[in-house]
Amino acid sequence: VDSMLFKPFLLCDRNVQSILRDEIVNPLRRTGFVKARSVMHLR
């Protein structure tokens, strides 16, 4: 489901997409850890 991170969907909110990609998914894959404040930003 990586298309959620990159694909410019018709109704896509790019701000939410960038938070999901840059603050949650990439840190998780890079270091194995995501801070709670990143998830709170998404929430």
PDB file of all heavy atoms in Angstrom:
ATOM      1  N   VAL A   1       0.833  -1.216   0.000  1.00  0.00           N
ATOM      2  CA  VAL A   1       0.000   0.000   0.000  1.00  0.00           C
ATOM      3  C   VAL A   1       0.866   1.263   0.000  1.00  0.00           C
ATOM      4  O   VAL A   1       0.425   2.325   0.441  1.00  0.00           O
ATOM      5  CB  VAL A   1      -0.978   0.030   1.211  1.00  0.00           C
ATOM      6  CG1 VAL A   1      -2.071  -0.994   1.046  1.00  0.00           C
ATOM      7  CG2 VAL A   1      -0.250  -0.172   2.523  1.00  0.00           C
ATOM      8  N   ASP A   2       2.084   1.162  -0.527  1.00  0.00           N
ATOM      9  CA  ASP A   2       2.960   2.340  -0.590  1.00  0.00           C
ATOM     10  C   ASP A   2       2.413   3.428  -1.510  1.00  0.00           C
ATOM     11  O   ASP A   2       2.888   4.561  -1.473  1.00  0.00           O
ATOM     12  CB  ASP A   2       4.365   1.938  -1.040  1.00  0.00           C
ATOM     13  CG  ASP A   2       5.256   1.561   0.133  1.00  0.00           C
ATOM     14  OD1 ASP A   2       4.706   1.270   1.221  1.00  0.00           O
ATOM     15  OD2 ASP A   2       6.495   1.537  -0.022  1.00  0.00           O
ATOM     16  N   SER A   3       1.435   3.090  -2.347  1.00  0.00           N
ATOM     17  CA  SER A   3       0.808   4.124  -3.175  1.00  0.00           C
ATOM     18  C   SER A   3       0.189   5.215  -2.300  1.00  0.00           C
ATOM     19  O   SER A   3       0.069   6.375  -2.715  1.00  0.00           O
ATOM     20  CB  SER A   3      -0.265   3.511  -4.079  1.00  0.00           C
ATOM     21  OG  SER A   3      -1.261   2.861  -3.308  1.00  0.00           O
ATOM     22  N   MET A   4      -0.196   4.862  -1.070  1.00  0.00           N
ATOM     23  CA  MET A   4      -0.730   5.846  -0.130  1.00  0.00           C
ATOM     24  C   MET A   4       0.275   6.950   0.160  1.00  0.00           C
ATOM     25  O   MET A   4      -0.104   8.072   0.506  1.00  0.00           O
ATOM     26  CB  MET A   4      -1.122   5.173   1.196  1.00  0.00           C
ATOM     27  CG  MET A   4      -2.340   4.291   1.129  1.00  0.00           C
ATOM     28  SD  MET A   4      -2.665   3.449   2.701  1.00  0.00           S
ATOM     29  CE  MET A   4      -2.948   4.827   3.808  1.00  0.00           C
ATOM     30  N   LEU A   5       1.562   6.648   0.023  1.00  0.00           N
ATOM     31  CA  LEU A   5       2.616   7.588   0.388  1.00  0.00           C
ATOM     32  C   LEU A   5       3.032   8.502  -0.753  1.00  0.00           C
ATOM     33  O   LEU A   5       3.561   9.588  -0.507  1.00  0.00           O
ATOM     34  CB  LEU A   5       3.850   6.816   0.877  1.00  0.00           C
ATOM     35  CG  LEU A   5       3.630   5.747   1.946  1.00  0.00           C
ATOM     36  CD1 LEU A   5       4.929   5.015   2.232  1.00  0.00           C
ATOM     37  CD2 LEU A   5       3.073   6.377   3.213  1.00  0.00           C
ATOM     38  N   PHE A   6       2.821   8.060  -1.988  1.00  0.00           N
ATOM     39  CA  PHE A   6       3.405   8.777  -3.118  1.00  0.00           C
ATOM     40  C   PHE A   6       2.409   9.208  -4.194  1.00  0.00           C
ATOM     41  O   PHE A   6       2.559  10.260  -4.793  1.00  0.00           O
ATOM     42  CB  PHE A   6       4.480   7.895  -3.793  1.00  0.00           C
ATOM     43  CG  PHE A   6       5.559   7.443  -2.852  1.00  0.00           C
ATOM     44  CD1 PHE A   6       5.575   6.146  -2.357  1.00  0.00           C
ATOM     45  CD2 PHE A   6       6.554   8.319  -2.449  1.00  0.00           C
ATOM     46  CE1 PHE A   6       6.571   5.729  -1.487  1.00  0.00           C
ATOM     47  CE2 PHE A   6       7.553   7.916  -1.578  1.00  0.00           C
ATOM     48  CZ  PHE A   6       7.566   6.615  -1.098  1.00  0.00           C
ATOM     49  N   LYS A   7       1.407   8.395  -4.448  1.00  0.00           N
ATOM     50  CA  LYS A   7       0.551   8.623  -5.611  1.00  0.00           C
ATOM     51  C   LYS A   7      -0.351   9.846  -5.418  1.00  0.00           C
ATOM     52  O   LYS A   7      -0.998   9.976  -4.380  1.00  0.00           O
ATOM     53  CB  LYS A   7      -0.298   7.374  -5.870  1.00  0.00           C
ATOM     54  CG  LYS A   7      -1.006   7.382  -7.212  1.00  0.00           C
ATOM     55  CD  LYS A   7      -1.670   6.021  -7.468  1.00  0.00           C
ATOM     56  CE  LYS A   7      -2.403   6.019  -8.808  1.00  0.00           C
ATOM     57  NZ  LYS A   7      -3.056   4.722  -9.063  1.00  0.00           N
ATOM     58  N   PRO A   8      -0.414  10.746  -6.396  1.00  0.00           N
ATOM     59  CA  PRO A   8      -1.295  11.922  -6.286  1.00  0.00           C
ATOM     60  C   PRO A   8      -2.738  11.571  -6.638  1.00  0.00           C
ATOM     61  O   PRO A   8      -3.196  11.818  -7.755  1.00  0.00           O
ATOM     62  CB  PRO A   8      -0.691  12.906  -7.295  1.00  0.00           C
ATOM     63  CG  PRO A   8      -0.070  12.036  -8.330  1.00  0.00           C
ATOM     64  CD  PRO A   8       0.417  10.789  -7.615  1.00  0.00           C
ATOM     65  N   PHE A   9      -3.461  10.971  -5.720  1.00  0.00           N
ATOM     66  CA  PHE A   9      -4.846  10.584  -5.974  1.00  0.00           C
ATOM     67  C   PHE A   9      -5.722  11.822  -6.210  1.00  0.00           C
ATOM     68  O   PHE A   9      -5.352  12.948  -5.855  1.00  0.00           O
ATOM     69  CB  PHE A   9      -5.397   9.771  -4.797  1.00  0.00           C
ATOM     70  CG  PHE A   9      -4.708   8.466  -4.579  1.00  0.00           C
ATOM     71  CD1 PHE A   9      -3.758   8.322  -3.580  1.00  0.00           C
ATOM     72  CD2 PHE A   9      -4.987   7.362  -5.385  1.00  0.00           C
ATOM     73  CE1 PHE A   9      -3.112   7.120  -3.385  1.00  0.00           C
ATOM     74  CE2 PHE A   9      -4.347   6.164  -5.190  1.00  0.00           C
ATOM     75  CZ  PHE A   9      -3.410   6.035  -4.187  1.00  0.00           C
ATOM     76  N   LEU A  10      -6.890  11.585  -6.775  1.00  0.00           N
ATOM     77  CA  LEU A  10      -7.781  12.674  -7.169  1.00  0.00           C
ATOM     78  C   LEU A  10      -8.140  13.573  -5.990  1.00  0.00           C
ATOM     79  O   LEU A  10      -8.131  14.800  -6.100  1.00  0.00           O
ATOM     80  CB  LEU A  10      -9.055  12.086  -7.804  1.00  0.00           C
ATOM     81  CG  LEU A  10     -10.001  13.076  -8.477  1.00  0.00           C
ATOM     82  CD1 LEU A  10      -9.298  13.765  -9.636  1.00  0.00           C
ATOM     83  CD2 LEU A  10     -11.259  12.373  -8.950  1.00  0.00           C
ATOM     84  N   LEU A  11      -8.457  12.980  -4.848  1.00  0.00           N
ATOM     85  CA  LEU A  11      -8.870  13.756  -3.676  1.00  0.00           C
ATOM     86  C   LEU A  11      -7.759  13.897  -2.645  1.00  0.00           C
ATOM     87  O   LEU A  11      -8.003  14.290  -1.511  1.00  0.00           O
ATOM     88  CB  LEU A  11     -10.088  13.081  -3.014  1.00  0.00           C
ATOM     89  CG  LEU A  11     -11.300  12.828  -3.904  1.00  0.00           C
ATOM     90  CD1 LEU A  11     -12.352  12.024  -3.135  1.00  0.00           C
ATOM     91  CD2 LEU A  11     -11.888  14.145  -4.374  1.00  0.00           C
ATOM     92  N   CYS A  12      -6.544  13.586  -3.049  1.00  0.00           N
ATOM     93  CA  CYS A  12      -5.456  13.406  -2.097  1.00  0.00           C
ATOM     94  C   CYS A  12      -5.108  14.688  -1.331  1.00  0.00           C
ATOM     95  O   CYS A  12      -4.921  15.757  -1.924  1.00  0.00           O
ATOM     96  CB  CYS A  12      -4.219  12.902  -2.839  1.00  0.00           C
ATOM     97  SG  CYS A  12      -2.842  12.533  -1.744  1.00  0.00           S
ATOM     98  N   ASP A  13      -5.000  14.565  -0.019  1.00  0.00           N
ATOM     99  CA  ASP A  13      -4.510  15.643   0.828  1.00  0.00           C
ATOM    100  C   ASP A  13      -3.001  15.466   0.981  1.00  0.00           C
ATOM    101  O   ASP A  13      -2.544  14.584   1.692  1.00  0.00           O
ATOM    102  CB  ASP A  13      -5.211  15.599   2.189  1.00  0.00           C
ATOM    103  CG  ASP A  13      -4.843  16.779   3.072  1.00  0.00           C
ATOM    104  OD1 ASP A  13      -3.651  16.899   3.413  1.00  0.00           O
ATOM    105  OD2 ASP A  13      -5.735  17.555   3.429  1.00  0.00           O
ATOM    106  N   ARG A  14      -2.212  16.306   0.311  1.00  0.00           N
ATOM    107  CA  ARG A  14      -0.761  16.109   0.277  1.00  0.00           C
ATOM    108  C   ARG A  14      -0.114  16.340   1.633  1.00  0.00           C
ATOM    109  O   ARG A  14       0.951  15.793   1.927  1.00  0.00           O
ATOM    110  CB  ARG A  14      -0.127  17.045  -0.769  1.00  0.00           C
ATOM    111  CG  ARG A  14      -0.661  16.854  -2.190  1.00  0.00           C
ATOM    112  CD  ARG A  14      -0.619  15.386  -2.629  1.00  0.00           C
ATOM    113  NE  ARG A  14       0.717  14.907  -2.838  1.00  0.00           N
ATOM    114  CZ  ARG A  14       1.366  14.916  -3.994  1.00  0.00           C
ATOM    115  NH1 ARG A  14       0.771  15.396  -5.058  1.00  0.00           N
ATOM    116  NH2 ARG A  14       2.583  14.422  -4.099  1.00  0.00           N
ATOM    117  N   ASN A  15      -0.727  17.154   2.490  1.00  0.00           N
ATOM    118  CA  ASN A  15      -0.171  17.391   3.820  1.00  0.00           C
ATOM    119  C   ASN A  15      -0.230  16.121   4.660  1.00  0.00           C
ATOM    120  O   ASN A  15       0.760  15.722   5.287  1.00  0.00           O
ATOM    121  CB  ASN A  15      -0.930  18.531   4.512  1.00  0.00           C
ATOM    122  CG  ASN A  15      -0.322  18.879   5.861  1.00  0.00           C
ATOM    123  OD1 ASN A  15       0.897  18.883   6.021  1.00  0.00           O
ATOM    124  ND2 ASN A  15      -1.169  19.168   6.824  1.00  0.00           N
ATOM    125  N   VAL A  16      -1.393  15.465   4.667  1.00  0.00           N
ATOM    126  CA  VAL A  16      -1.534  14.200   5.395  1.00  0.00           C
ATOM    127  C   VAL A  16      -0.602  13.149   4.805  1.00  0.00           C
ATOM    128  O   VAL A  16       0.039  12.386   5.524  1.00  0.00           O
ATOM    129  CB  VAL A  16      -3.000  13.713   5.362  1.00  0.00           C
ATOM    130  CG1 VAL A  16      -3.113  12.296   5.898  1.00  0.00           C
ATOM    131  CG2 VAL A  16      -3.888  14.649   6.164  1.00  0.00           C
ATOM    132  N   GLN A  17      -0.506  13.121   3.492  1.00  0.00           N
ATOM    133  CA  GLN A  17       0.363  12.150   2.820  1.00  0.00           C
ATOM    134  C   GLN A  17       1.827  12.347   3.224  1.00  0.00           C
ATOM    135  O   GLN A  17       2.542  11.373   3.485  1.00  0.00           O
ATOM    136  CB  GLN A  17       0.203  12.289   1.309  1.00  0.00           C
ATOM    137  CG  GLN A  17       0.779  11.121   0.512  1.00  0.00           C
ATOM    138  CD  GLN A  17       0.502  11.272  -0.978  1.00  0.00           C
ATOM    139  OE1 GLN A  17       0.710  12.343  -1.551  1.00  0.00           O
ATOM    140  NE2 GLN A  17       0.035  10.214  -1.611  1.00  0.00           N
ATOM    141  N   SER A  18       2.277  13.587   3.297  1.00  0.00           N
ATOM    142  CA  SER A  18       3.676  13.845   3.663  1.00  0.00           C
ATOM    143  C   SER A  18       3.943  13.519   5.133  1.00  0.00           C
ATOM    144  O   SER A  18       5.022  13.023   5.471  1.00  0.00           O
ATOM    145  CB  SER A  18       4.037  15.302   3.365  1.00  0.00           C
ATOM    146  OG  SER A  18       3.279  16.188   4.163  1.00  0.00           O
ATOM    147  N   ILE A  19       2.990  13.787   6.012  1.00  0.00           N
ATOM    148  CA  ILE A  19       3.154  13.424   7.428  1.00  0.00           C
ATOM    149  C   ILE A  19       3.277  11.908   7.557  1.00  0.00           C
ATOM    150  O   ILE A  19       4.150  11.400   8.259  1.00  0.00           O
ATOM    151  CB  ILE A  19       1.966  13.935   8.265  1.00  0.00           C
ATOM    152  CG1 ILE A  19       1.965  15.466   8.325  1.00  0.00           C
ATOM    153  CG2 ILE A  19       2.009  13.351   9.675  1.00  0.00           C
ATOM    154  CD1 ILE A  19       0.709  16.046   8.937  1.00  0.00           C
ATOM    155  N   LEU A  20       2.397  11.200   6.868  1.00  0.00           N
ATOM    156  CA  LEU A  20       2.409   9.743   6.912  1.00  0.00           C
ATOM    157  C   LEU A  20       3.740   9.194   6.402  1.00  0.00           C
ATOM    158  O   LEU A  20       4.344   8.307   7.017  1.00  0.00           O
ATOM    159  CB  LEU A  20       1.250   9.215   6.067  1.00  0.00           C
ATOM    160  CG  LEU A  20       1.003   7.704   6.048  1.00  0.00           C
ATOM    161  CD1 LEU A  20       0.658   7.201   7.436  1.00  0.00           C
ATOM    162  CD2 LEU A  20      -0.133   7.377   5.074  1.00  0.00           C
ATOM    163  N   ARG A  21       4.234   9.751   5.293  1.00  0.00           N
ATOM    164  CA  ARG A  21       5.465   9.255   4.670  1.00  0.00           C
ATOM    165  C   ARG A  21       6.722   9.671   5.442  1.00  0.00           C
ATOM    166  O   ARG A  21       7.556   8.831   5.786  1.00  0.00           O
ATOM    167  CB  ARG A  21       5.544   9.771   3.235  1.00  0.00           C
ATOM    168  CG  ARG A  21       6.786   9.331   2.472  1.00  0.00           C
ATOM    169  CD  ARG A  21       6.860   9.966   1.094  1.00  0.00           C
ATOM    170  NE  ARG A  21       6.943  11.408   1.168  1.00  0.00           N
ATOM    171  CZ  ARG A  21       6.012  12.238   0.678  1.00  0.00           C
ATOM    172  NH1 ARG A  21       4.938  11.777   0.081  1.00  0.00           N
ATOM    173  NH2 ARG A  21       6.162  13.556   0.782  1.00  0.00           N
ATOM    174  N   ASP A  22       6.838  10.982   5.745  1.00  0.00           N
ATOM    175  CA  ASP A  22       8.099  11.516   6.262  1.00  0.00           C
ATOM    176  C   ASP A  22       8.237  11.412   7.774  1.00  0.00           C
ATOM    177  O   ASP A  22       9.355  11.321   8.289  1.00  0.00           O
ATOM    178  CB  ASP A  22       8.260  12.981   5.838  1.00  0.00           C
ATOM    179  CG  ASP A  22       8.280  13.136   4.325  1.00  0.00           C
ATOM    180  OD1 ASP A  22       8.696  12.178   3.647  1.00  0.00           O
ATOM    181  OD2 ASP A  22       7.872  14.205   3.824  1.00  0.00           O
ATOM    182  N   GLU A  23       7.115  11.431   8.506  1.00  0.00           N
ATOM    183  CA  GLU A  23       7.199  11.425   9.958  1.00  0.00           C
ATOM    184  C   GLU A  23       6.922  10.056  10.579  1.00  0.00           C
ATOM    185  O   GLU A  23       7.262   9.824  11.740  1.00  0.00           O
ATOM    186  CB  GLU A  23       6.232  12.452  10.553  1.00  0.00           C
ATOM    187  CG  GLU A  23       6.540  13.886  10.152  1.00  0.00           C
ATOM    188  CD  GLU A  23       5.659  14.889  10.872  1.00  0.00           C
ATOM    189  OE1 GLU A  23       5.268  14.623  12.028  1.00  0.00           O
ATOM    190  OE2 GLU A  23       5.351  15.941  10.279  1.00  0.00           O
ATOM    191  N   ILE A  24       6.302   9.148   9.799  1.00  0.00           N
ATOM    192  CA  ILE A  24       5.944   7.844  10.377  1.00  0.00           C
ATOM    193  C   ILE A  24       6.614   6.689   9.628  1.00  0.00           C
ATOM    194  O   ILE A  24       7.404   5.939  10.211  1.00  0.00           O
ATOM    195  CB  ILE A  24       4.412   7.662  10.404  1.00  0.00           C
ATOM    196  CG1 ILE A  24       3.786   8.722  11.329  1.00  0.00           C
ATOM    197  CG2 ILE A  24       4.035   6.245  10.868  1.00  0.00           C
ATOM    198  CD1 ILE A  24       2.277   8.734  11.356  1.00  0.00           C
ATOM    199  N   VAL A  25       6.331   6.541   8.338  1.00  0.00           N
ATOM    200  CA  VAL A  25       6.792   5.360   7.604  1.00  0.00           C
ATOM    201  C   VAL A  25       8.311   5.351   7.421  1.00  0.00           C
ATOM    202  O   VAL A  25       8.975   4.350   7.707  1.00  0.00           O
ATOM    203  CB  VAL A  25       6.083   5.237   6.247  1.00  0.00           C
ATOM    204  CG1 VAL A  25       6.631   4.049   5.462  1.00  0.00           C
ATOM    205  CG2 VAL A  25       4.580   5.084   6.451  1.00  0.00           C
ATOM    206  N   ASN A  26       8.882   6.443   6.961  1.00  0.00           N
ATOM    207  CA  ASN A  26      10.332   6.462   6.743  1.00  0.00           C
ATOM    208  C   ASN A  26      11.135   6.270   8.028  1.00  0.00           C
ATOM    209  O   ASN A  26      12.083   5.479   8.047  1.00  0.00           O
ATOM    210  CB  ASN A  26      10.743   7.757   6.028  1.00  0.00           C
ATOM    211  CG  ASN A  26      10.462   7.691   4.536  1.00  0.00           C
ATOM    212  OD1 ASN A  26      10.320   6.618   3.970  1.00  0.00           O
ATOM    213  ND2 ASN A  26      10.379   8.844   3.897  1.00  0.00           N
ATOM    214  N   PRO A  27      10.804   6.963   9.133  1.00  0.00           N
ATOM    215  CA  PRO A  27      11.524   6.682  10.382  1.00  0.00           C
ATOM    216  C   PRO A  27      11.359   5.238  10.859  1.00  0.00           C
ATOM    217  O   PRO A  27      12.302   4.630  11.379  1.00  0.00           O
ATOM    218  CB  PRO A  27      10.907   7.668  11.377  1.00  0.00           C
ATOM    219  CG  PRO A  27      10.398   8.782  10.539  1.00  0.00           C
ATOM    220  CD  PRO A  27       9.917   8.139   9.270  1.00  0.00           C
ATOM    221  N   LEU A  28      10.156   4.674  10.683  1.00  0.00           N
ATOM    222  CA  LEU A  28       9.921   3.289  11.090  1.00  0.00           C
ATOM    223  C   LEU A  28      10.823   2.341  10.317  1.00  0.00           C
ATOM    224  O   LEU A  28      11.436   1.425  10.887  1.00  0.00           O
ATOM    225  CB  LEU A  28       8.447   2.923  10.872  1.00  0.00           C
ATOM    226  CG  LEU A  28       8.041   1.488  11.200  1.00  0.00           C
ATOM    227  CD1 LEU A  28       8.242   1.193  12.685  1.00  0.00           C
ATOM    228  CD2 LEU A  28       6.582   1.242  10.807  1.00  0.00           C
ATOM    229  N   ARG A  29      10.945   2.551   9.005  1.00  0.00           N
ATOM    230  CA  ARG A  29      11.775   1.674   8.169  1.00  0.00           C
ATOM    231  C   ARG A  29      13.269   1.962   8.334  1.00  0.00           C
ATOM    232  O   ARG A  29      14.090   1.076   8.119  1.00  0.00           O
ATOM    233  CB  ARG A  29      11.366   1.844   6.707  1.00  0.00           C
ATOM    234  CG  ARG A  29       9.974   1.312   6.400  1.00  0.00           C
ATOM    235  CD  ARG A  29       9.558   1.626   4.969  1.00  0.00           C
ATOM    236  NE  ARG A  29       8.266   1.028   4.628  1.00  0.00           N
ATOM    237  CZ  ARG A  29       7.669   1.167   3.451  1.00  0.00           C
ATOM    238  NH1 ARG A  29       8.237   1.907   2.504  1.00  0.00           N
ATOM    239  NH2 ARG A  29       6.499   0.582   3.207  1.00  0.00           N
ATOM    240  N   ARG A  30      13.599   3.175   8.705  1.00  0.00           N
ATOM    241  CA  ARG A  30      15.015   3.538   8.822  1.00  0.00           C
ATOM    242  C   ARG A  30      15.595   3.138  10.180  1.00  0.00           C
ATOM    243  O   ARG A  30      16.656   2.530  10.256  1.00  0.00           O
ATOM    244  CB  ARG A  30      15.191   5.044   8.616  1.00  0.00           C
ATOM    245  CG  ARG A  30      16.655   5.500   8.653  1.00  0.00           C
ATOM    246  CD  ARG A  30      16.761   7.013   8.562  1.00  0.00           C
ATOM    247  NE  ARG A  30      16.043   7.654   9.656  1.00  0.00           N
ATOM    248  CZ  ARG A  30      16.128   8.951   9.938  1.00  0.00           C
ATOM    249  NH1 ARG A  30      16.880   9.753   9.202  1.00  0.00           N
ATOM    250  NH2 ARG A  30      15.451   9.462  10.945  1.00  0.00           N
ATOM    251  N   THR A  31      14.887   3.476  11.264  1.00  0.00           N
ATOM    252  CA  THR A  31      15.420   3.241  12.610  1.00  0.00           C
ATOM    253  C   THR A  31      14.600   2.244  13.421  1.00  0.00           C
ATOM    254  O   THR A  31      15.028   1.826  14.494  1.00  0.00           O
ATOM    255  CB  THR A  31      15.484   4.564  13.395  1.00  0.00           C
ATOM    256  OG1 THR A  31      14.151   5.025  13.655  1.00  0.00           O
ATOM    257  CG2 THR A  31      16.247   5.622  12.606  1.00  0.00           C
ATOM    258  N   GLY A  32      13.403   1.887  12.932  1.00  0.00           N
ATOM    259  CA  GLY A  32      12.555   0.969  13.675  1.00  0.00           C
ATOM    260  C   GLY A  32      11.773   1.625  14.797  1.00  0.00           C
ATOM    261  O   GLY A  32      11.155   0.948  15.609  1.00  0.00           O
ATOM    262  N   PHE A  33      11.765   2.960  14.848  1.00  0.00           N
ATOM    263  CA  PHE A  33      11.080   3.645  15.944  1.00  0.00           C
ATOM    264  C   PHE A  33      10.378   4.901  15.446  1.00  0.00           C
ATOM    265  O   PHE A  33      10.936   5.655  14.645  1.00  0.00           O
ATOM    266  CB  PHE A  33      12.081   4.027  17.042  1.00  0.00           C
ATOM    267  CG  PHE A  33      11.455   4.761  18.208  1.00  0.00           C
ATOM    268  CD1 PHE A  33      10.603   4.094  19.083  1.00  0.00           C
ATOM    269  CD2 PHE A  33      11.706   6.108  18.410  1.00  0.00           C
ATOM    270  CE1 PHE A  33      10.016   4.766  20.148  1.00  0.00           C
ATOM    271  CE2 PHE A  33      11.125   6.791  19.474  1.00  0.00           C
ATOM    272  CZ  PHE A  33      10.282   6.115  20.345  1.00  0.00           C
ATOM    273  N   VAL A  34       9.149   5.128  15.917  1.00  0.00           N
ATOM    274  CA  VAL A  34       8.379   6.333  15.601  1.00  0.00           C
ATOM    275  C   VAL A  34       7.914   6.953  16.910  1.00  0.00           C
ATOM    276  O   VAL A  34       7.312   6.278  17.755  1.00  0.00           O
ATOM    277  CB  VAL A  34       7.152   6.009  14.715  1.00  0.00           C
ATOM    278  CG1 VAL A  34       6.347   7.277  14.435  1.00  0.00           C
ATOM    279  CG2 VAL A  34       7.583   5.355  13.415  1.00  0.00           C
ATOM    280  N   LYS A  35       8.183   8.232  17.083  1.00  0.00           N
ATOM    281  CA  LYS A  35       7.784   8.932  18.306  1.00  0.00           C
ATOM    282  C   LYS A  35       6.279   9.176  18.333  1.00  0.00           C
ATOM    283  O   LYS A  35       5.649   9.352  17.298  1.00  0.00           O
ATOM    284  CB  LYS A  35       8.521  10.275  18.405  1.00  0.00           C
ATOM    285  CG  LYS A  35      10.031  10.143  18.537  1.00  0.00           C
ATOM    286  CD  LYS A  35      10.683  11.512  18.560  1.00  0.00           C
ATOM    287  CE  LYS A  35      12.202  11.378  18.655  1.00  0.00           C
ATOM    288  NZ  LYS A  35      12.870  12.704  18.621  1.00  0.00           N
ATOM    289  N   ALA A  36       5.734   9.206  19.544  1.00  0.00           N
ATOM    290  CA  ALA A  36       4.291   9.399  19.705  1.00  0.00           C
ATOM    291  C   ALA A  36       3.828  10.730  19.132  1.00  0.00           C
ATOM    292  O   ALA A  36       2.710  10.842  18.616  1.00  0.00           O
ATOM    293  CB  ALA A  36       3.921   9.310  21.182  1.00  0.00           C
ATOM    294  N   ARG A  37       4.680  11.759  19.188  1.00  0.00           N
ATOM    295  CA  ARG A  37       4.246  13.071  18.689  1.00  0.00           C
ATOM    296  C   ARG A  37       4.025  13.063  17.169  1.00  0.00           C
ATOM    297  O   ARG A  37       3.250  13.867  16.653  1.00  0.00           O
ATOM    298  CB  ARG A  37       5.224  14.165  19.111  1.00  0.00           C
ATOM    299  CG  ARG A  37       6.587  14.138  18.484  1.00  0.00           C
ATOM    300  CD  ARG A  37       7.318  15.462  18.767  1.00  0.00           C
ATOM    301  NE  ARG A  37       8.679  15.450  18.262  1.00  0.00           N
ATOM    302  CZ  ARG A  37       9.753  15.240  18.996  1.00  0.00           C
ATOM    303  NH1 ARG A  37       9.623  14.990  20.289  1.00  0.00           N
ATOM    304  NH2 ARG A  37      10.957  15.267  18.474  1.00  0.00           N
ATOM    305  N   SER A  38       4.727  12.162  16.461  1.00  0.00           N
ATOM    306  CA  SER A  38       4.514  12.062  15.012  1.00  0.00           C
ATOM    307  C   SER A  38       3.130  11.503  14.708  1.00  0.00           C
ATOM    308  O   SER A  38       2.437  11.980  13.807  1.00  0.00           O
ATOM    309  CB  SER A  38       5.586  11.174  14.386  1.00  0.00           C
ATOM    310  OG  SER A  38       6.874  11.733  14.546  1.00  0.00           O
ATOM    311  N   VAL A  39       2.736  10.477  15.455  1.00  0.00           N
ATOM    312  CA  VAL A  39       1.393   9.915  15.283  1.00  0.00           C
ATOM    313  C   VAL A  39       0.331  10.932  15.717  1.00  0.00           C
ATOM    314  O   VAL A  39      -0.727  11.054  15.090  1.00  0.00           O
ATOM    315  CB  VAL A  39       1.249   8.597  16.068  1.00  0.00           C
ATOM    316  CG1 VAL A  39      -0.161   8.034  15.917  1.00  0.00           C
ATOM    317  CG2 VAL A  39       2.269   7.573  15.592  1.00  0.00           C
ATOM    318  N   MET A  40       0.627  11.686  16.780  1.00  0.00           N
ATOM    319  CA  MET A  40      -0.320  12.712  17.225  1.00  0.00           C
ATOM    320  C   MET A  40      -0.488  13.793  16.158  1.00  0.00           C
ATOM    321  O   MET A  40      -1.601  14.323  15.961  1.00  0.00           O
ATOM    322  CB  MET A  40       0.156  13.351  18.536  1.00  0.00           C
ATOM    323  CG  MET A  40      -0.798  14.394  19.096  1.00  0.00           C
ATOM    324  SD  MET A  40      -2.495  13.782  19.364  1.00  0.00           S
ATOM    325  CE  MET A  40      -2.258  12.810  20.862  1.00  0.00           C
ATOM    326  N   HIS A  41       0.588  14.115  15.454  1.00  0.00           N
ATOM    327  CA  HIS A  41       0.492  15.084  14.354  1.00  0.00           C
ATOM    328  C   HIS A  41      -0.490  14.588  13.292  1.00  0.00           C
ATOM    329  O   HIS A  41      -1.331  15.344  12.790  1.00  0.00           O
ATOM    330  CB  HIS A  41       1.888  15.303  13.744  1.00  0.00           C
ATOM    331  CG  HIS A  41       1.963  16.481  12.827  1.00  0.00           C
ATOM    332  ND1 HIS A  41       3.050  16.731  12.006  1.00  0.00           N
ATOM    333  CD2 HIS A  41       1.069  17.483  12.551  1.00  0.00           C
ATOM    334  CE1 HIS A  41       2.833  17.823  11.311  1.00  0.00           C
ATOM    335  NE2 HIS A  41       1.638  18.304  11.616  1.00  0.00           N
ATOM    336  N   LEU A  42      -0.395  13.292  12.964  1.00  0.00           N
ATOM    337  CA  LEU A  42      -1.329  12.689  12.009  1.00  0.00           C
ATOM    338  C   LEU A  42      -2.749  12.704  12.565  1.00  0.00           C
ATOM    339  O   LEU A  42      -3.705  13.030  11.853  1.00  0.00           O
ATOM    340  CB  LEU A  42      -0.899  11.264  11.674  1.00  0.00           C
ATOM    341  CG  LEU A  42      -1.821  10.468  10.736  1.00  0.00           C
ATOM    342  CD1 LEU A  42      -1.868  11.120   9.353  1.00  0.00           C
ATOM    343  CD2 LEU A  42      -1.354   9.016  10.620  1.00  0.00           C
ATOM    344  N   ARG A  43      -2.906  12.375  13.840  1.00  0.00           N
ATOM    345  CA  ARG A  43      -4.234  12.331  14.455  1.00  0.00           C
ATOM    346  C   ARG A  43      -4.894  13.714  14.458  1.00  0.00           C
ATOM    347  O   ARG A  43      -6.107  13.834  14.256  1.00  0.00           O
ATOM    348  CB  ARG A  43      -4.140  11.787  15.884  1.00  0.00           C
ATOM    349  CG  ARG A  43      -3.668  10.344  15.945  1.00  0.00           C
ATOM    350  CD  ARG A  43      -3.366   9.898  17.358  1.00  0.00           C
ATOM    351  NE  ARG A  43      -4.569   9.558  18.096  1.00  0.00           N
ATOM    352  CZ  ARG A  43      -4.568   9.192  19.397  1.00  0.00           C
ATOM    353  NH1 ARG A  43      -3.417   9.133  20.060  1.00  0.00           N
ATOM    354  NH2 ARG A  43      -5.696   8.887  19.997  1.00  0.00           N
TER     355      ARG A  43
END
